[in-house]
Structures are given as C-alpha cells and as structure tokens.
Amino acid sequence: MIDSNFEIDFVSDNKYENITVEISYKKQMLCQLNKDSGADKIEIEFFNDSRCFSKDVKHKFNLDNFMTILNSTKLDLINT
C-alpha cells in the first residue's frame, strides 16, 4: 500500500518549457520532475534548502513506496 501522505501535483512552472510534477510529503514539497531534456531524460530536483520544513514533519518514509511514486509519476509525466 502506498503512503497516503504523498501528493502529486502537475504544475506549469515558468522555469520550464513543459509541464512539471511536484511530489510532496505531508504537505511539504520534496521534489519536482521535468521533461525539458526529453522524455528519456526526466530530471528530478530535490528541495531541502529552499523550503522551510515544519519541525513536526519528519521526512522519513518507506523507500519502496517512494520509488513506486517516482516511477508512476515519471510515466504520467512522459504521457502528458
């Protein structure tokens, strides 16, 4: 079962030519995926220094769940 604390949002970010996807955990953005370099070269940008994380939110979660979310989000982005 996938952790329901993860959220996936498709956004139009002015920094990118194509639509991007943000992955959040407990309402705090973790990373953003983009396909500006091509569908076969999806890039991921992690946000840690530029975001103010709430002290009560621990960014510790199951790796397999996170990898499943990354892979399914990547496929969704490619097909968008």
N, C-alpha and C. Protein backbone atom coordinates (compact mmCIF):
# COMPACT_ATOMS: atom_id res chain seq x y z
N MET A 1 0.84 -1.19 0.00
CA MET A 1 0.00 0.00 0.00
C MET A 1 0.88 1.25 0.00
N ILE A 2 0.56 2.19 -0.86
CA ILE A 2 1.32 3.43 -0.97
C ILE A 2 0.93 4.38 0.16
N ASP A 3 1.92 5.05 0.70
CA ASP A 3 1.71 6.01 1.78
C ASP A 3 0.83 7.15 1.29
N SER A 4 -0.29 7.36 1.95
CA SER A 4 -1.23 8.40 1.52
C SER A 4 -0.78 9.81 1.88
N ASN A 5 0.36 9.93 2.55
CA ASN A 5 0.89 11.26 2.86
C ASN A 5 1.57 11.91 1.67
N PHE A 6 1.79 11.14 0.60
CA PHE A 6 2.39 11.70 -0.61
C PHE A 6 1.31 12.35 -1.46
N GLU A 7 1.66 13.46 -2.12
CA GLU A 7 0.76 14.13 -3.05
C GLU A 7 1.52 14.41 -4.34
N ILE A 8 0.82 14.28 -5.45
CA ILE A 8 1.38 14.53 -6.77
C ILE A 8 0.59 15.67 -7.40
N ASP A 9 1.30 16.72 -7.85
CA ASP A 9 0.65 17.86 -8.49
C ASP A 9 1.33 18.19 -9.80
N PHE A 10 0.55 18.25 -10.87
CA PHE A 10 1.06 18.70 -12.16
C PHE A 10 0.96 20.21 -12.18
N VAL A 11 2.07 20.87 -12.50
CA VAL A 11 2.09 22.34 -12.47
C VAL A 11 2.75 22.89 -13.73
N SER A 12 2.42 24.13 -14.02
CA SER A 12 3.06 24.86 -15.10
C SER A 12 4.01 25.86 -14.46
N ASP A 13 5.29 25.53 -14.49
CA ASP A 13 6.32 26.36 -13.87
C ASP A 13 7.01 27.16 -14.97
N ASN A 14 7.10 28.47 -14.80
CA ASN A 14 7.69 29.35 -15.82
C ASN A 14 9.15 29.02 -16.12
N LYS A 15 9.83 28.34 -15.21
CA LYS A 15 11.23 28.00 -15.42
C LYS A 15 11.40 26.89 -16.46
N TYR A 16 10.31 26.18 -16.76
CA TYR A 16 10.39 25.02 -17.63
C TYR A 16 9.53 25.20 -18.87
N GLU A 17 9.95 24.56 -19.94
CA GLU A 17 9.22 24.63 -21.20
C GLU A 17 7.96 23.77 -21.15
N ASN A 18 8.05 22.62 -20.51
CA ASN A 18 6.94 21.67 -20.42
C ASN A 18 6.35 21.67 -19.01
N ILE A 19 5.23 20.99 -18.87
CA ILE A 19 4.60 20.84 -17.56
C ILE A 19 5.54 20.06 -16.64
N THR A 20 5.48 20.33 -15.36
CA THR A 20 6.31 19.63 -14.38
C THR A 20 5.41 18.95 -13.36
N VAL A 21 6.02 18.09 -12.54
CA VAL A 21 5.28 17.40 -11.49
C VAL A 21 5.99 17.62 -10.17
N GLU A 22 5.23 18.02 -9.17
CA GLU A 22 5.77 18.19 -7.82
C GLU A 22 5.31 17.03 -6.95
N ILE A 23 6.22 16.49 -6.17
CA ILE A 23 5.89 15.43 -5.21
C ILE A 23 6.07 16.01 -3.82
N SER A 24 5.00 15.94 -3.04
CA SER A 24 5.02 16.46 -1.67
C SER A 24 4.79 15.32 -0.69
N TYR A 25 5.29 15.52 0.52
CA TYR A 25 5.06 14.58 1.60
C TYR A 25 4.57 15.36 2.80
N LYS A 26 3.41 15.01 3.27
CA LYS A 26 2.77 15.71 4.40
C LYS A 26 2.71 17.21 4.14
N LYS A 27 2.25 17.55 2.92
CA LYS A 27 2.02 18.94 2.50
C LYS A 27 3.30 19.75 2.28
N GLN A 28 4.47 19.12 2.30
CA GLN A 28 5.73 19.83 2.09
C GLN A 28 6.41 19.26 0.84
N MET A 29 6.73 20.15 -0.10
CA MET A 29 7.29 19.70 -1.36
C MET A 29 8.67 19.08 -1.15
N LEU A 30 8.83 17.90 -1.76
CA LEU A 30 10.11 17.19 -1.71
C LEU A 30 10.92 17.41 -2.96
N CYS A 31 10.25 17.26 -4.11
CA CYS A 31 10.99 17.32 -5.36
C CYS A 31 10.07 17.67 -6.51
N GLN A 32 10.71 17.97 -7.64
CA GLN A 32 9.99 18.32 -8.86
C GLN A 32 10.62 17.56 -10.01
N LEU A 33 9.79 16.96 -10.86
CA LEU A 33 10.26 16.26 -12.05
C LEU A 33 9.91 17.09 -13.27
N ASN A 34 10.85 17.11 -14.25
CA ASN A 34 10.56 17.81 -15.50
C ASN A 34 11.11 17.00 -16.67
N LYS A 35 10.54 17.26 -17.85
CA LYS A 35 10.98 16.54 -19.05
C LYS A 35 11.48 17.48 -20.13
N ASP A 36 12.04 18.61 -19.74
CA ASP A 36 12.54 19.57 -20.72
C ASP A 36 13.69 19.02 -21.56
N SER A 37 14.44 18.06 -21.03
CA SER A 37 15.55 17.46 -21.79
C SER A 37 15.10 16.25 -22.60
N GLY A 38 13.80 15.96 -22.57
CA GLY A 38 13.25 14.83 -23.32
C GLY A 38 12.64 13.79 -22.40
N ALA A 39 11.71 13.02 -22.95
CA ALA A 39 11.02 12.01 -22.17
C ALA A 39 11.95 10.90 -21.69
N ASP A 40 13.07 10.72 -22.38
CA ASP A 40 14.03 9.70 -21.98
C ASP A 40 15.08 10.23 -21.01
N LYS A 41 14.96 11.51 -20.64
CA LYS A 41 15.93 12.14 -19.72
C LYS A 41 15.19 12.97 -18.66
N ILE A 42 14.23 12.35 -18.00
CA ILE A 42 13.48 13.04 -16.95
C ILE A 42 14.45 13.48 -15.86
N GLU A 43 14.34 14.74 -15.44
CA GLU A 43 15.21 15.28 -14.39
C GLU A 43 14.41 15.43 -13.10
N ILE A 44 15.11 15.26 -11.98
CA ILE A 44 14.48 15.45 -10.67
C ILE A 44 15.29 16.48 -9.89
N GLU A 45 14.57 17.40 -9.28
CA GLU A 45 15.21 18.43 -8.45
C GLU A 45 14.63 18.29 -7.04
N PHE A 46 15.52 18.09 -6.06
CA PHE A 46 15.09 17.96 -4.67
C PHE A 46 15.14 19.32 -3.99
N PHE A 47 14.16 19.56 -3.14
CA PHE A 47 14.08 20.82 -2.41
C PHE A 47 14.31 20.54 -0.93
N ASN A 48 15.38 21.09 -0.40
CA ASN A 48 15.60 20.99 1.04
C ASN A 48 16.04 22.33 1.60
N ASP A 49 16.98 22.98 0.97
CA ASP A 49 17.46 24.27 1.47
C ASP A 49 16.48 25.40 1.20
N SER A 50 15.77 25.31 0.09
CA SER A 50 14.90 26.42 -0.30
C SER A 50 13.51 26.34 0.32
N ARG A 51 13.23 25.29 1.04
CA ARG A 51 11.92 25.13 1.66
C ARG A 51 12.06 25.16 3.17
N CYS A 52 11.10 25.73 3.81
CA CYS A 52 11.08 25.78 5.27
C CYS A 52 10.24 24.60 5.75
N PHE A 53 10.89 23.56 6.22
CA PHE A 53 10.18 22.37 6.66
C PHE A 53 9.69 22.54 8.09
N SER A 54 8.48 22.12 8.31
CA SER A 54 7.91 22.15 9.65
C SER A 54 8.65 21.13 10.51
N LYS A 55 8.93 21.49 11.74
CA LYS A 55 9.68 20.59 12.63
C LYS A 55 8.91 19.32 12.95
N ASP A 56 7.59 19.38 12.88
CA ASP A 56 6.80 18.19 13.21
C ASP A 56 6.67 17.22 12.03
N VAL A 57 7.18 17.60 10.87
CA VAL A 57 7.15 16.72 9.71
C VAL A 57 8.52 16.07 9.54
N LYS A 58 8.55 14.76 9.72
CA LYS A 58 9.80 14.01 9.55
C LYS A 58 9.80 13.44 8.14
N HIS A 59 10.82 13.76 7.40
CA HIS A 59 10.92 13.25 6.03
C HIS A 59 11.60 11.89 6.05
N LYS A 60 10.89 10.95 6.61
CA LYS A 60 11.36 9.57 6.69
C LYS A 60 10.19 8.70 6.27
N PHE A 61 10.40 7.92 5.20
CA PHE A 61 9.31 7.10 4.68
C PHE A 61 9.91 5.88 3.99
N ASN A 62 9.07 4.95 3.66
CA ASN A 62 9.48 3.70 3.05
C ASN A 62 10.06 3.95 1.66
N LEU A 63 11.26 3.46 1.41
CA LEU A 63 11.94 3.67 0.13
C LEU A 63 11.17 3.04 -1.03
N ASP A 64 10.66 1.84 -0.85
CA ASP A 64 9.91 1.19 -1.93
C ASP A 64 8.68 2.00 -2.31
N ASN A 65 7.98 2.55 -1.32
CA ASN A 65 6.82 3.40 -1.61
C ASN A 65 7.25 4.63 -2.41
N PHE A 66 8.35 5.26 -2.00
CA PHE A 66 8.82 6.45 -2.69
C PHE A 66 9.24 6.13 -4.12
N MET A 67 9.93 5.02 -4.30
CA MET A 67 10.36 4.61 -5.65
C MET A 67 9.15 4.31 -6.54
N THR A 68 8.12 3.69 -5.97
CA THR A 68 6.89 3.43 -6.73
C THR A 68 6.25 4.74 -7.16
N ILE A 69 6.21 5.70 -6.25
CA ILE A 69 5.64 7.01 -6.58
C ILE A 69 6.47 7.70 -7.65
N LEU A 70 7.79 7.68 -7.51
CA LEU A 70 8.65 8.29 -8.52
C LEU A 70 8.44 7.66 -9.89
N ASN A 71 8.41 6.35 -9.94
CA ASN A 71 8.25 5.66 -11.23
C ASN A 71 6.88 5.92 -11.86
N SER A 72 5.82 5.87 -11.07
CA SER A 72 4.50 6.12 -11.65
C SER A 72 4.34 7.58 -12.06
N THR A 73 4.93 8.49 -11.29
CA THR A 73 4.88 9.91 -11.63
C THR A 73 5.67 10.18 -12.91
N LYS A 74 6.80 9.52 -13.05
CA LYS A 74 7.60 9.66 -14.27
C LYS A 74 6.80 9.23 -15.49
N LEU A 75 6.13 8.10 -15.40
CA LEU A 75 5.32 7.62 -16.53
C LEU A 75 4.17 8.58 -16.83
N ASP A 76 3.54 9.11 -15.79
CA ASP A 76 2.46 10.08 -16.00
C ASP A 76 2.99 11.34 -16.70
N LEU A 77 4.18 11.79 -16.29
CA LEU A 77 4.77 12.98 -16.90
C LEU A 77 5.12 12.73 -18.36
N ILE A 78 5.68 11.58 -18.66
CA ILE A 78 6.02 11.24 -20.04
C ILE A 78 4.77 11.23 -20.92
N ASN A 79 3.68 10.74 -20.39
CA ASN A 79 2.44 10.61 -21.16
C ASN A 79 1.59 11.87 -21.16
N THR A 80 2.07 12.94 -20.54
CA THR A 80 1.32 14.20 -20.51
C THR A 80 1.67 15.04 -21.72
